[in-house]
Amino acid sequence: MTYCLDVELFISEVKKYPEIWDLNCEDHRYKSRKQQAWAEVARVFINDFDDMPETEKLDVCKYGDRERLCKRQNC
């Protein structure tokens, strides 16, 4: 199976949410805020993110499952 992901777009989207990547960000320590940020990133790449089963959404939001983003992105 071939995956595709616009890496530059992915990086620019993640940069919008320092709670994901910046250890000095006050929100970085809050798991729920990081999960919310990952959900926002996922919505850019996964058209049907809001319709996905909760378990799949949790995988993306909890672990930043980039492989799942690649599989689901429309290329």
N, C-alpha and C. Protein backbone atom coordinates (compact mmCIF):
# COMPACT_ATOMS: atom_id res chain seq x y z
N MET A 1 0.84 -1.18 0.00
CA MET A 1 0.00 0.00 0.00
C MET A 1 0.89 1.24 0.00
N THR A 2 0.52 2.22 -0.79
CA THR A 2 1.26 3.46 -0.87
C THR A 2 0.57 4.53 -0.05
N TYR A 3 1.35 5.25 0.72
CA TYR A 3 0.83 6.35 1.53
C TYR A 3 1.36 7.65 0.97
N CYS A 4 0.59 8.70 1.18
CA CYS A 4 1.09 10.01 0.78
C CYS A 4 0.69 11.01 1.85
N LEU A 5 1.53 11.98 2.03
CA LEU A 5 1.26 13.04 2.98
C LEU A 5 2.06 14.25 2.54
N ASP A 6 1.41 15.37 2.45
CA ASP A 6 2.10 16.61 2.12
C ASP A 6 2.86 17.02 3.38
N VAL A 7 4.14 16.70 3.41
CA VAL A 7 4.95 16.91 4.61
C VAL A 7 5.02 18.38 4.99
N GLU A 8 5.18 19.25 4.02
CA GLU A 8 5.26 20.68 4.33
C GLU A 8 3.96 21.19 4.95
N LEU A 9 2.83 20.74 4.41
CA LEU A 9 1.55 21.13 4.98
C LEU A 9 1.39 20.55 6.39
N PHE A 10 1.81 19.30 6.56
CA PHE A 10 1.72 18.67 7.88
C PHE A 10 2.54 19.47 8.90
N ILE A 11 3.76 19.80 8.55
CA ILE A 11 4.61 20.56 9.47
C ILE A 11 4.00 21.93 9.78
N SER A 12 3.49 22.59 8.76
CA SER A 12 2.90 23.92 9.00
C SER A 12 1.66 23.83 9.88
N GLU A 13 0.88 22.78 9.73
CA GLU A 13 -0.30 22.60 10.58
C GLU A 13 0.11 22.31 12.02
N VAL A 14 1.08 21.43 12.21
CA VAL A 14 1.52 21.09 13.56
C VAL A 14 2.13 22.32 14.24
N LYS A 15 2.85 23.13 13.50
CA LYS A 15 3.45 24.34 14.08
C LYS A 15 2.41 25.29 14.65
N LYS A 16 1.19 25.23 14.16
CA LYS A 16 0.12 26.10 14.66
C LYS A 16 -0.27 25.76 16.09
N TYR A 17 0.11 24.57 16.55
CA TYR A 17 -0.32 24.09 17.86
C TYR A 17 0.90 23.74 18.72
N PRO A 18 1.48 24.74 19.37
CA PRO A 18 2.69 24.50 20.16
C PRO A 18 2.47 23.51 21.30
N GLU A 19 1.24 23.32 21.73
CA GLU A 19 0.98 22.34 22.78
C GLU A 19 1.37 20.93 22.35
N ILE A 20 1.47 20.69 21.06
CA ILE A 20 1.89 19.39 20.55
C ILE A 20 3.40 19.22 20.67
N TRP A 21 4.15 20.24 20.34
CA TRP A 21 5.59 20.08 20.16
C TRP A 21 6.49 20.89 21.08
N ASP A 22 5.97 21.93 21.68
CA ASP A 22 6.81 22.83 22.48
C ASP A 22 6.73 22.47 23.97
N LEU A 23 7.82 21.91 24.49
CA LEU A 23 7.84 21.51 25.90
C LEU A 23 7.70 22.69 26.85
N ASN A 24 7.98 23.89 26.37
CA ASN A 24 7.86 25.09 27.20
C ASN A 24 6.46 25.70 27.16
N CYS A 25 5.62 25.19 26.29
CA CYS A 25 4.25 25.68 26.19
C CYS A 25 3.47 25.23 27.42
N GLU A 26 2.76 26.16 28.02
CA GLU A 26 1.98 25.86 29.22
C GLU A 26 0.98 24.72 28.98
N ASP A 27 0.40 24.66 27.79
CA ASP A 27 -0.62 23.64 27.49
C ASP A 27 -0.02 22.27 27.17
N HIS A 28 1.30 22.18 26.98
CA HIS A 28 1.92 20.90 26.62
C HIS A 28 1.69 19.83 27.68
N ARG A 29 1.56 20.24 28.93
CA ARG A 29 1.39 19.25 30.01
C ARG A 29 -0.02 18.68 30.08
N TYR A 30 -0.96 19.27 29.35
CA TYR A 30 -2.36 18.82 29.41
C TYR A 30 -2.67 17.91 28.22
N LYS A 31 -2.86 16.64 28.52
CA LYS A 31 -3.12 15.65 27.48
C LYS A 31 -4.34 16.01 26.65
N SER A 32 -5.38 16.49 27.28
CA SER A 32 -6.61 16.80 26.55
C SER A 32 -6.40 17.92 25.54
N ARG A 33 -5.58 18.88 25.89
CA ARG A 33 -5.31 19.99 24.95
C ARG A 33 -4.47 19.53 23.77
N LYS A 34 -3.54 18.62 24.03
CA LYS A 34 -2.75 18.06 22.92
C LYS A 34 -3.65 17.24 22.01
N GLN A 35 -4.55 16.47 22.60
CA GLN A 35 -5.47 15.67 21.79
C GLN A 35 -6.38 16.55 20.96
N GLN A 36 -6.85 17.65 21.52
CA GLN A 36 -7.69 18.59 20.76
C GLN A 36 -6.90 19.19 19.60
N ALA A 37 -5.64 19.50 19.85
CA ALA A 37 -4.80 20.07 18.79
C ALA A 37 -4.58 19.05 17.68
N TRP A 38 -4.31 17.78 18.05
CA TRP A 38 -4.15 16.74 17.03
C TRP A 38 -5.43 16.56 16.23
N ALA A 39 -6.57 16.71 16.88
CA ALA A 39 -7.85 16.59 16.16
C ALA A 39 -7.97 17.69 15.11
N GLU A 40 -7.55 18.89 15.45
CA GLU A 40 -7.59 19.99 14.48
C GLU A 40 -6.65 19.71 13.30
N VAL A 41 -5.47 19.19 13.58
CA VAL A 41 -4.55 18.83 12.51
C VAL A 41 -5.17 17.72 11.65
N ALA A 42 -5.75 16.74 12.29
CA ALA A 42 -6.35 15.61 11.56
C ALA A 42 -7.46 16.08 10.64
N ARG A 43 -8.24 17.05 11.06
CA ARG A 43 -9.35 17.53 10.21
C ARG A 43 -8.85 18.11 8.89
N VAL A 44 -7.62 18.60 8.87
CA VAL A 44 -7.05 19.13 7.63
C VAL A 44 -6.77 17.99 6.65
N PHE A 45 -6.36 16.85 7.18
CA PHE A 45 -5.91 15.75 6.33
C PHE A 45 -6.94 14.64 6.14
N ILE A 46 -7.88 14.54 7.04
CA ILE A 46 -8.87 13.46 6.98
C ILE A 46 -10.25 14.10 6.82
N ASN A 47 -10.76 14.04 5.61
CA ASN A 47 -12.05 14.71 5.32
C ASN A 47 -13.18 14.22 6.21
N ASP A 48 -13.20 12.94 6.51
CA ASP A 48 -14.30 12.38 7.30
C ASP A 48 -13.91 12.14 8.75
N PHE A 49 -12.97 12.93 9.25
CA PHE A 49 -12.48 12.72 10.62
C PHE A 49 -13.61 12.70 11.63
N ASP A 50 -14.54 13.64 11.53
CA ASP A 50 -15.62 13.72 12.51
C ASP A 50 -16.58 12.53 12.42
N ASP A 51 -16.57 11.82 11.29
CA ASP A 51 -17.44 10.65 11.12
C ASP A 51 -16.74 9.34 11.45
N MET A 52 -15.45 9.40 11.76
CA MET A 52 -14.69 8.19 12.07
C MET A 52 -15.16 7.61 13.41
N PRO A 53 -15.00 6.30 13.58
CA PRO A 53 -15.29 5.71 14.88
C PRO A 53 -14.41 6.35 15.97
N GLU A 54 -14.94 6.45 17.15
CA GLU A 54 -14.22 7.11 18.24
C GLU A 54 -12.86 6.47 18.50
N THR A 55 -12.76 5.16 18.35
CA THR A 55 -11.48 4.50 18.60
C THR A 55 -10.42 4.95 17.61
N GLU A 56 -10.81 5.13 16.35
CA GLU A 56 -9.86 5.61 15.34
C GLU A 56 -9.47 7.06 15.61
N LYS A 57 -10.45 7.87 15.98
CA LYS A 57 -10.14 9.27 16.30
C LYS A 57 -9.17 9.35 17.46
N LEU A 58 -9.39 8.50 18.45
CA LEU A 58 -8.52 8.50 19.63
C LEU A 58 -7.10 8.13 19.25
N ASP A 59 -6.94 7.16 18.35
CA ASP A 59 -5.59 6.78 17.90
C ASP A 59 -4.88 7.97 17.27
N VAL A 60 -5.59 8.71 16.45
CA VAL A 60 -5.00 9.87 15.79
C VAL A 60 -4.67 10.94 16.82
N CYS A 61 -5.60 11.22 17.70
CA CYS A 61 -5.44 12.34 18.64
C CYS A 61 -4.51 12.01 19.80
N LYS A 62 -4.53 10.79 20.23
CA LYS A 62 -3.73 10.41 21.39
C LYS A 62 -2.27 10.19 21.02
N TYR A 63 -2.06 9.62 19.87
CA TYR A 63 -0.71 9.24 19.49
C TYR A 63 -0.17 10.03 18.30
N GLY A 64 -0.97 10.94 17.76
CA GLY A 64 -0.52 11.66 16.58
C GLY A 64 -0.19 10.68 15.48
N ASP A 65 -1.11 9.76 15.26
CA ASP A 65 -0.91 8.63 14.35
C ASP A 65 -0.77 9.10 12.91
N ARG A 66 0.46 9.46 12.54
CA ARG A 66 0.70 10.00 11.21
C ARG A 66 0.47 8.96 10.12
N GLU A 67 0.69 7.70 10.44
CA GLU A 67 0.42 6.66 9.44
C GLU A 67 -1.06 6.65 9.07
N ARG A 68 -1.91 6.80 10.06
CA ARG A 68 -3.35 6.85 9.80
C ARG A 68 -3.70 8.09 8.99
N LEU A 69 -3.03 9.20 9.26
CA LEU A 69 -3.26 10.42 8.48
C LEU A 69 -2.90 10.16 7.03
N CYS A 70 -1.79 9.48 6.81
CA CYS A 70 -1.35 9.21 5.44
C CYS A 70 -2.34 8.30 4.72
N LYS A 71 -2.84 7.31 5.41
CA LYS A 71 -3.77 6.36 4.79
C LYS A 71 -5.07 7.03 4.40
N ARG A 72 -5.53 7.96 5.22
CA ARG A 72 -6.85 8.53 5.04
C ARG A 72 -6.85 9.79 4.18
N GLN A 73 -5.69 10.37 3.97
CA GLN A 73 -5.63 11.61 3.18
C GLN A 73 -6.00 11.33 1.74
N ASN A 74 -6.78 12.22 1.16
CA ASN A 74 -7.12 12.09 -0.25
C ASN A 74 -5.98 12.62 -1.09
N CYS A 75 -5.36 11.73 -1.86
CA CYS A 75 -4.21 12.14 -2.68
C CYS A 75 -4.55 11.97 -4.14
